[in-house]
Amino acid sequence: MERQLVIFDLANEHYGVDIAAVESIIKLQPITAIPRAPDFVEGVINLRGNVLPVIDLRQRFQMERGEPTKETRIIVAEVEGLTIGMVVDAVSEVLRVPEDAIQPPPPAVAAGDSAYITGIAKVNQRLITLLDLGRLHSAEEVQQELVAA
């Protein structure tokens, strides 16, 4: 059995999400800021007539903010019925990963604030952290953050 993943980079680390959750990958475009939004909510974009909230994954993971480059992308994904955009440093590939190449995260990593990490894939000397987008940002949480702003 294999899992098909979209692999992306943040701060020189590799992450993967299930391809079934990804609707599209687009180039970075102007983002309209939302006043008083949390740090990780960049704002909103208009994508094909739909207004989508955009989250900066570096900020969500409490990493240092990065400067956009020509490789910066927005991954458009569905999270619990809500379509959101996630800013990442780069999208590198779509990859099929055998289940036996995926290990559960160490207990210290999988607890508390890191419960969104579902596993670690070992692929060609690389470690890829696998994320559950539903645990990373629930639709209810994103909507609450935008309404509160």
N, C-alpha and C. Protein backbone atom coordinates (compact mmCIF):
# COMPACT_ATOMS: atom_id res chain seq x y z
N MET A 1 0.84 -1.19 0.00
CA MET A 1 0.00 0.00 0.00
C MET A 1 0.88 1.25 0.00
N GLU A 2 0.43 2.26 -0.68
CA GLU A 2 1.19 3.52 -0.77
C GLU A 2 0.29 4.69 -0.39
N ARG A 3 0.94 5.77 -0.01
CA ARG A 3 0.23 7.03 0.20
C ARG A 3 0.80 8.03 -0.79
N GLN A 4 -0.10 8.80 -1.43
CA GLN A 4 0.35 9.82 -2.37
C GLN A 4 0.32 11.16 -1.64
N LEU A 5 1.46 11.82 -1.63
CA LEU A 5 1.65 13.03 -0.84
C LEU A 5 2.12 14.20 -1.69
N VAL A 6 1.70 15.40 -1.30
CA VAL A 6 2.27 16.63 -1.84
C VAL A 6 3.37 17.03 -0.85
N ILE A 7 4.59 17.14 -1.37
CA ILE A 7 5.75 17.47 -0.54
C ILE A 7 6.08 18.95 -0.70
N PHE A 8 6.24 19.64 0.44
CA PHE A 8 6.59 21.05 0.39
C PHE A 8 7.66 21.35 1.42
N ASP A 9 8.28 22.51 1.26
CA ASP A 9 9.38 22.91 2.14
C ASP A 9 8.99 24.13 2.97
N LEU A 10 9.48 24.11 4.19
CA LEU A 10 9.40 25.25 5.11
C LEU A 10 10.72 25.30 5.85
N ALA A 11 11.41 26.41 5.77
CA ALA A 11 12.67 26.60 6.50
C ALA A 11 13.61 25.41 6.32
N ASN A 12 13.79 24.98 5.08
CA ASN A 12 14.71 23.90 4.72
C ASN A 12 14.34 22.53 5.31
N GLU A 13 13.10 22.36 5.72
CA GLU A 13 12.60 21.07 6.17
C GLU A 13 11.51 20.61 5.21
N HIS A 14 11.31 19.31 5.12
CA HIS A 14 10.34 18.74 4.19
C HIS A 14 9.08 18.28 4.95
N TYR A 15 7.93 18.61 4.37
CA TYR A 15 6.64 18.23 4.95
C TYR A 15 5.79 17.62 3.86
N GLY A 16 4.83 16.80 4.27
CA GLY A 16 3.93 16.18 3.30
C GLY A 16 2.51 16.18 3.80
N VAL A 17 1.58 16.35 2.86
CA VAL A 17 0.15 16.24 3.16
C VAL A 17 -0.47 15.33 2.12
N ASP A 18 -1.53 14.67 2.51
CA ASP A 18 -2.23 13.75 1.61
C ASP A 18 -2.75 14.53 0.41
N ILE A 19 -2.50 14.00 -0.78
CA ILE A 19 -2.89 14.70 -2.00
C ILE A 19 -4.41 14.88 -2.10
N ALA A 20 -5.16 14.00 -1.47
CA ALA A 20 -6.62 14.08 -1.53
C ALA A 20 -7.15 15.38 -0.91
N ALA A 21 -6.41 15.97 0.03
CA ALA A 21 -6.84 17.21 0.68
C ALA A 21 -6.49 18.45 -0.14
N VAL A 22 -5.59 18.30 -1.13
CA VAL A 22 -5.09 19.45 -1.89
C VAL A 22 -5.95 19.67 -3.13
N GLU A 23 -6.50 20.88 -3.24
CA GLU A 23 -7.31 21.22 -4.42
C GLU A 23 -6.44 21.77 -5.55
N SER A 24 -5.48 22.63 -5.19
CA SER A 24 -4.59 23.19 -6.19
C SER A 24 -3.37 23.80 -5.52
N ILE A 25 -2.38 24.11 -6.34
CA ILE A 25 -1.17 24.79 -5.88
C ILE A 25 -1.00 25.99 -6.79
N ILE A 26 -0.94 27.19 -6.21
CA ILE A 26 -0.87 28.40 -7.01
C ILE A 26 0.34 29.23 -6.61
N LYS A 27 0.76 30.09 -7.53
CA LYS A 27 1.83 31.02 -7.21
C LYS A 27 1.32 32.02 -6.18
N LEU A 28 2.27 32.55 -5.41
CA LEU A 28 1.93 33.57 -4.43
C LEU A 28 1.29 34.75 -5.13
N GLN A 29 0.22 35.26 -4.59
CA GLN A 29 -0.45 36.42 -5.15
C GLN A 29 -0.74 37.41 -4.03
N PRO A 30 -1.14 38.62 -4.38
CA PRO A 30 -1.42 39.60 -3.32
C PRO A 30 -2.47 39.08 -2.34
N ILE A 31 -2.17 39.26 -1.07
CA ILE A 31 -3.06 38.82 0.01
C ILE A 31 -3.58 40.06 0.72
N THR A 32 -4.90 40.13 0.88
CA THR A 32 -5.52 41.26 1.58
C THR A 32 -5.49 40.97 3.07
N ALA A 33 -4.83 41.84 3.82
CA ALA A 33 -4.69 41.65 5.26
C ALA A 33 -6.04 41.80 5.96
N ILE A 34 -6.19 41.07 7.04
CA ILE A 34 -7.38 41.16 7.89
C ILE A 34 -6.94 41.82 9.19
N PRO A 35 -7.50 42.99 9.53
CA PRO A 35 -7.09 43.67 10.76
C PRO A 35 -7.30 42.79 11.99
N ARG A 36 -6.33 42.84 12.90
CA ARG A 36 -6.37 42.15 14.19
C ARG A 36 -6.43 40.63 14.07
N ALA A 37 -6.08 40.09 12.91
CA ALA A 37 -6.05 38.63 12.75
C ALA A 37 -4.83 38.09 13.49
N PRO A 38 -4.88 36.83 13.89
CA PRO A 38 -3.70 36.23 14.53
C PRO A 38 -2.51 36.26 13.58
N ASP A 39 -1.31 36.16 14.12
CA ASP A 39 -0.09 36.25 13.32
C ASP A 39 -0.06 35.26 12.16
N PHE A 40 -0.59 34.06 12.37
CA PHE A 40 -0.49 33.05 11.32
C PHE A 40 -1.51 33.23 10.21
N VAL A 41 -2.52 34.09 10.40
CA VAL A 41 -3.50 34.36 9.33
C VAL A 41 -2.99 35.55 8.53
N GLU A 42 -2.52 35.25 7.29
CA GLU A 42 -1.98 36.31 6.42
C GLU A 42 -3.07 37.24 5.93
N GLY A 43 -4.28 36.70 5.71
CA GLY A 43 -5.39 37.48 5.19
C GLY A 43 -6.25 36.62 4.29
N VAL A 44 -6.75 37.24 3.21
CA VAL A 44 -7.61 36.52 2.28
C VAL A 44 -7.18 36.80 0.85
N ILE A 45 -7.53 35.86 -0.05
CA ILE A 45 -7.33 36.05 -1.48
C ILE A 45 -8.63 35.76 -2.20
N ASN A 46 -8.72 36.27 -3.42
CA ASN A 46 -9.86 35.96 -4.29
C ASN A 46 -9.36 34.93 -5.30
N LEU A 47 -9.85 33.71 -5.18
CA LEU A 47 -9.44 32.65 -6.08
C LEU A 47 -10.64 32.17 -6.86
N ARG A 48 -10.66 32.50 -8.15
CA ARG A 48 -11.75 32.11 -9.04
C ARG A 48 -13.12 32.49 -8.46
N GLY A 49 -13.20 33.69 -7.92
CA GLY A 49 -14.47 34.19 -7.41
C GLY A 49 -14.79 33.82 -5.98
N ASN A 50 -13.93 33.03 -5.34
CA ASN A 50 -14.14 32.65 -3.95
C ASN A 50 -13.10 33.33 -3.06
N VAL A 51 -13.54 33.86 -1.93
CA VAL A 51 -12.63 34.48 -0.98
C VAL A 51 -12.16 33.39 -0.02
N LEU A 52 -10.83 33.21 0.04
CA LEU A 52 -10.24 32.16 0.87
C LEU A 52 -9.34 32.74 1.94
N PRO A 53 -9.42 32.23 3.17
CA PRO A 53 -8.44 32.63 4.18
C PRO A 53 -7.09 32.01 3.83
N VAL A 54 -6.01 32.74 4.11
CA VAL A 54 -4.66 32.27 3.82
C VAL A 54 -3.86 32.26 5.11
N ILE A 55 -3.26 31.11 5.38
CA ILE A 55 -2.49 30.90 6.60
C ILE A 55 -1.02 30.77 6.23
N ASP A 56 -0.14 31.41 6.98
CA ASP A 56 1.30 31.27 6.78
C ASP A 56 1.76 30.11 7.66
N LEU A 57 2.16 29.00 7.04
CA LEU A 57 2.54 27.83 7.83
C LEU A 57 3.79 28.08 8.67
N ARG A 58 4.69 28.94 8.20
CA ARG A 58 5.85 29.27 9.04
C ARG A 58 5.38 29.88 10.36
N GLN A 59 4.45 30.81 10.29
CA GLN A 59 3.93 31.44 11.49
C GLN A 59 3.13 30.46 12.34
N ARG A 60 2.37 29.59 11.66
CA ARG A 60 1.56 28.60 12.38
C ARG A 60 2.46 27.68 13.20
N PHE A 61 3.65 27.37 12.66
CA PHE A 61 4.60 26.51 13.35
C PHE A 61 5.56 27.31 14.24
N GLN A 62 5.31 28.60 14.38
CA GLN A 62 6.13 29.49 15.19
C GLN A 62 7.59 29.52 14.73
N MET A 63 7.76 29.51 13.39
CA MET A 63 9.08 29.64 12.79
C MET A 63 9.31 31.11 12.45
N GLU A 64 10.57 31.42 12.17
CA GLU A 64 10.90 32.77 11.72
C GLU A 64 10.21 33.04 10.39
N ARG A 65 9.65 34.24 10.25
CA ARG A 65 8.97 34.61 9.01
C ARG A 65 9.97 34.62 7.86
N GLY A 66 9.59 34.07 6.72
CA GLY A 66 10.48 34.01 5.56
C GLY A 66 10.11 35.06 4.53
N GLU A 67 11.09 35.44 3.74
CA GLU A 67 10.84 36.37 2.64
C GLU A 67 10.32 35.58 1.45
N PRO A 68 9.25 36.05 0.80
CA PRO A 68 8.75 35.35 -0.39
C PRO A 68 9.81 35.31 -1.49
N THR A 69 9.83 34.19 -2.22
CA THR A 69 10.73 34.04 -3.35
C THR A 69 9.88 33.62 -4.56
N LYS A 70 10.53 33.40 -5.68
CA LYS A 70 9.79 32.96 -6.86
C LYS A 70 9.28 31.54 -6.68
N GLU A 71 9.78 30.81 -5.69
CA GLU A 71 9.34 29.44 -5.40
C GLU A 71 8.18 29.38 -4.39
N THR A 72 7.89 30.48 -3.72
CA THR A 72 6.82 30.50 -2.71
C THR A 72 5.49 30.16 -3.37
N ARG A 73 4.73 29.31 -2.72
CA ARG A 73 3.45 28.86 -3.26
C ARG A 73 2.36 28.92 -2.19
N ILE A 74 1.12 28.91 -2.67
CA ILE A 74 -0.04 28.76 -1.80
C ILE A 74 -0.66 27.41 -2.14
N ILE A 75 -0.72 26.54 -1.14
CA ILE A 75 -1.40 25.26 -1.32
C ILE A 75 -2.85 25.48 -0.91
N VAL A 76 -3.76 25.25 -1.85
CA VAL A 76 -5.19 25.40 -1.57
C VAL A 76 -5.70 24.02 -1.19
N ALA A 77 -6.26 23.93 0.02
CA ALA A 77 -6.68 22.63 0.55
C ALA A 77 -8.03 22.76 1.24
N GLU A 78 -8.70 21.63 1.32
CA GLU A 78 -9.96 21.59 2.04
C GLU A 78 -9.71 21.01 3.43
N VAL A 79 -10.16 21.75 4.43
CA VAL A 79 -10.02 21.33 5.82
C VAL A 79 -11.41 21.34 6.44
N GLU A 80 -11.93 20.16 6.69
CA GLU A 80 -13.24 20.01 7.33
C GLU A 80 -14.31 20.85 6.63
N GLY A 81 -14.34 20.81 5.32
CA GLY A 81 -15.36 21.52 4.56
C GLY A 81 -15.05 22.97 4.25
N LEU A 82 -13.97 23.52 4.78
CA LEU A 82 -13.57 24.90 4.51
C LEU A 82 -12.33 24.89 3.63
N THR A 83 -12.35 25.66 2.55
CA THR A 83 -11.19 25.76 1.67
C THR A 83 -10.30 26.88 2.18
N ILE A 84 -9.02 26.56 2.38
CA ILE A 84 -8.05 27.54 2.87
C ILE A 84 -6.81 27.51 1.99
N GLY A 85 -6.03 28.57 2.07
CA GLY A 85 -4.73 28.61 1.41
C GLY A 85 -3.65 28.58 2.47
N MET A 86 -2.55 27.90 2.16
CA MET A 86 -1.42 27.82 3.09
C MET A 86 -0.16 28.25 2.36
N VAL A 87 0.50 29.28 2.85
CA VAL A 87 1.74 29.76 2.24
C VAL A 87 2.88 28.86 2.68
N VAL A 88 3.62 28.33 1.68
CA VAL A 88 4.80 27.49 1.94
C VAL A 88 5.97 28.03 1.13
N ASP A 89 7.19 27.67 1.53
CA ASP A 89 8.38 28.17 0.84
C ASP A 89 8.46 27.65 -0.59
N ALA A 90 8.11 26.38 -0.79
CA ALA A 90 8.15 25.77 -2.12
C ALA A 90 7.41 24.46 -2.08
N VAL A 91 6.86 24.07 -3.22
CA VAL A 91 6.30 22.74 -3.38
C VAL A 91 7.27 21.99 -4.26
N SER A 92 7.78 20.86 -3.77
CA SER A 92 8.84 20.18 -4.51
C SER A 92 8.35 19.05 -5.40
N GLU A 93 7.33 18.29 -4.95
CA GLU A 93 6.92 17.15 -5.74
C GLU A 93 5.66 16.51 -5.20
N VAL A 94 5.10 15.64 -6.03
CA VAL A 94 4.06 14.72 -5.59
C VAL A 94 4.75 13.37 -5.54
N LEU A 95 4.60 12.68 -4.42
CA LEU A 95 5.40 11.49 -4.18
C LEU A 95 4.53 10.35 -3.67
N ARG A 96 4.78 9.16 -4.19
CA ARG A 96 4.14 7.96 -3.66
C ARG A 96 5.09 7.36 -2.62
N VAL A 97 4.58 7.20 -1.41
CA VAL A 97 5.41 6.70 -0.32
C VAL A 97 4.82 5.38 0.17
N PRO A 98 5.61 4.31 0.17
CA PRO A 98 5.11 3.04 0.70
C PRO A 98 4.80 3.17 2.20
N GLU A 99 3.75 2.51 2.64
CA GLU A 99 3.37 2.56 4.05
C GLU A 99 4.51 2.13 4.96
N ASP A 100 5.33 1.16 4.50
CA ASP A 100 6.41 0.68 5.37
C ASP A 100 7.57 1.67 5.49
N ALA A 101 7.54 2.75 4.72
CA ALA A 101 8.55 3.81 4.84
C ALA A 101 8.11 4.89 5.82
N ILE A 102 6.91 4.73 6.38
CA ILE A 102 6.35 5.72 7.30
C ILE A 102 6.35 5.16 8.71
N GLN A 103 6.93 5.93 9.62
CA GLN A 103 6.94 5.54 11.03
C GLN A 103 6.10 6.52 11.81
N PRO A 104 5.48 6.06 12.90
CA PRO A 104 4.74 7.00 13.74
C PRO A 104 5.71 8.02 14.35
N PRO A 105 5.21 9.21 14.64
CA PRO A 105 6.10 10.20 15.26
C PRO A 105 6.49 9.75 16.66
N PRO A 106 7.67 10.15 17.11
CA PRO A 106 8.06 9.82 18.48
C PRO A 106 7.02 10.39 19.46
N PRO A 107 6.78 9.71 20.58
CA PRO A 107 5.75 10.16 21.52
C PRO A 107 5.89 11.61 21.96
N ALA A 108 7.10 12.08 22.16
CA ALA A 108 7.31 13.47 22.59
C ALA A 108 6.87 14.46 21.53
N VAL A 109 6.92 14.04 20.25
CA VAL A 109 6.54 14.92 19.15
C VAL A 109 5.04 14.88 18.90
N ALA A 110 4.42 13.73 19.10
CA ALA A 110 3.02 13.54 18.75
C ALA A 110 2.05 14.05 19.80
N ALA A 111 2.54 14.54 20.90
CA ALA A 111 1.66 14.97 21.99
C ALA A 111 1.41 16.48 21.96
N GLY A 112 0.36 16.88 22.63
CA GLY A 112 0.06 18.29 22.84
C GLY A 112 -0.06 19.09 21.58
N ASP A 113 0.72 20.17 21.48
CA ASP A 113 0.62 21.11 20.37
C ASP A 113 1.06 20.51 19.03
N SER A 114 1.67 19.35 19.04
CA SER A 114 2.16 18.73 17.80
C SER A 114 1.32 17.53 17.38
N ALA A 115 0.09 17.42 17.85
CA ALA A 115 -0.76 16.27 17.52
C ALA A 115 -1.09 16.20 16.03
N TYR A 116 -0.82 17.26 15.28
CA TYR A 116 -1.09 17.27 13.84
C TYR A 116 -0.03 16.50 13.05
N ILE A 117 1.04 16.05 13.68
CA ILE A 117 2.07 15.26 13.01
C ILE A 117 1.64 13.79 13.06
N THR A 118 1.41 13.22 11.87
CA THR A 118 0.88 11.85 11.81
C THR A 118 1.96 10.81 11.57
N GLY A 119 3.12 11.23 11.13
CA GLY A 119 4.19 10.27 10.89
C GLY A 119 5.41 10.93 10.30
N ILE A 120 6.46 10.13 10.19
CA ILE A 120 7.71 10.57 9.59
C ILE A 120 8.04 9.56 8.48
N ALA A 121 8.16 10.06 7.25
CA ALA A 121 8.50 9.19 6.13
C ALA A 121 9.99 9.29 5.84
N LYS A 122 10.62 8.14 5.63
CA LYS A 122 12.03 8.11 5.25
C LYS A 122 12.08 7.77 3.77
N VAL A 123 12.51 8.76 2.96
CA VAL A 123 12.55 8.59 1.52
C VAL A 123 13.90 9.10 0.99
N ASN A 124 14.71 8.19 0.44
CA ASN A 124 16.00 8.58 -0.15
C ASN A 124 16.82 9.49 0.76
N GLN A 125 17.07 9.06 1.96
CA GLN A 125 17.89 9.79 2.94
C GLN A 125 17.23 11.08 3.44
N ARG A 126 15.97 11.32 3.07
CA ARG A 126 15.25 12.51 3.55
C ARG A 126 14.23 12.08 4.59
N LEU A 127 14.00 12.93 5.56
CA LEU A 127 12.90 12.73 6.49
C LEU A 127 11.82 13.73 6.14
N ILE A 128 10.60 13.23 5.96
CA ILE A 128 9.46 14.07 5.60
C ILE A 128 8.44 13.98 6.71
N THR A 129 8.11 15.10 7.32
CA THR A 129 7.13 15.15 8.38
C THR A 129 5.74 15.19 7.75
N LEU A 130 4.91 14.21 8.11
CA LEU A 130 3.57 14.12 7.54
C LEU A 130 2.57 14.82 8.46
N LEU A 131 1.71 15.65 7.84
CA LEU A 131 0.78 16.48 8.60
C LEU A 131 -0.66 16.08 8.34
N ASP A 132 -1.48 16.19 9.36
CA ASP A 132 -2.93 16.04 9.25
C ASP A 132 -3.50 17.46 9.28
N LEU A 133 -3.98 17.94 8.13
CA LEU A 133 -4.46 19.32 8.05
C LEU A 133 -5.67 19.56 8.95
N GLY A 134 -6.49 18.55 9.14
CA GLY A 134 -7.65 18.70 10.02
C GLY A 134 -7.25 18.97 11.46
N ARG A 135 -6.15 18.37 11.90
CA ARG A 135 -5.65 18.62 13.26
C ARG A 135 -4.85 19.91 13.33
N LEU A 136 -4.21 20.27 12.20
CA LEU A 136 -3.37 21.46 12.19
C LEU A 136 -4.20 22.73 12.32
N HIS A 137 -5.24 22.82 11.54
CA HIS A 137 -6.17 23.94 11.68
C HIS A 137 -7.57 23.44 11.37
N SER A 138 -8.35 23.34 12.40
CA SER A 138 -9.73 22.92 12.19
C SER A 138 -10.49 24.05 11.51
N ALA A 139 -11.49 23.70 10.76
CA ALA A 139 -12.32 24.71 10.08
C ALA A 139 -12.93 25.66 11.10
N GLU A 140 -13.36 25.10 12.22
CA GLU A 140 -13.97 25.94 13.27
C GLU A 140 -12.97 26.96 13.80
N GLU A 141 -11.72 26.52 14.01
CA GLU A 141 -10.69 27.42 14.52
C GLU A 141 -10.41 28.55 13.52
N VAL A 142 -10.27 28.21 12.24
CA VAL A 142 -9.99 29.23 11.22
C VAL A 142 -11.13 30.23 11.15
N GLN A 143 -12.36 29.74 11.14
CA GLN A 143 -13.52 30.64 11.08
C GLN A 143 -13.58 31.52 12.32
N GLN A 144 -13.32 30.95 13.50
CA GLN A 144 -13.33 31.74 14.74
C GLN A 144 -12.28 32.83 14.70
N GLU A 145 -11.07 32.50 14.21
CA GLU A 145 -9.99 33.48 14.14
C GLU A 145 -10.36 34.64 13.21
N LEU A 146 -11.00 34.31 12.07
CA LEU A 146 -11.37 35.37 11.11
C LEU A 146 -12.51 36.22 11.66
N VAL A 147 -13.48 35.59 12.32
CA VAL A 147 -14.60 36.34 12.88
C VAL A 147 -14.13 37.23 14.03
N ALA A 148 -13.21 36.70 14.84
CA ALA A 148 -12.69 37.46 15.98
C ALA A 148 -11.91 38.69 15.53
N ALA A 149 -11.29 38.59 14.34
CA ALA A 149 -10.49 39.70 13.83
C ALA A 149 -11.42 40.83 13.42
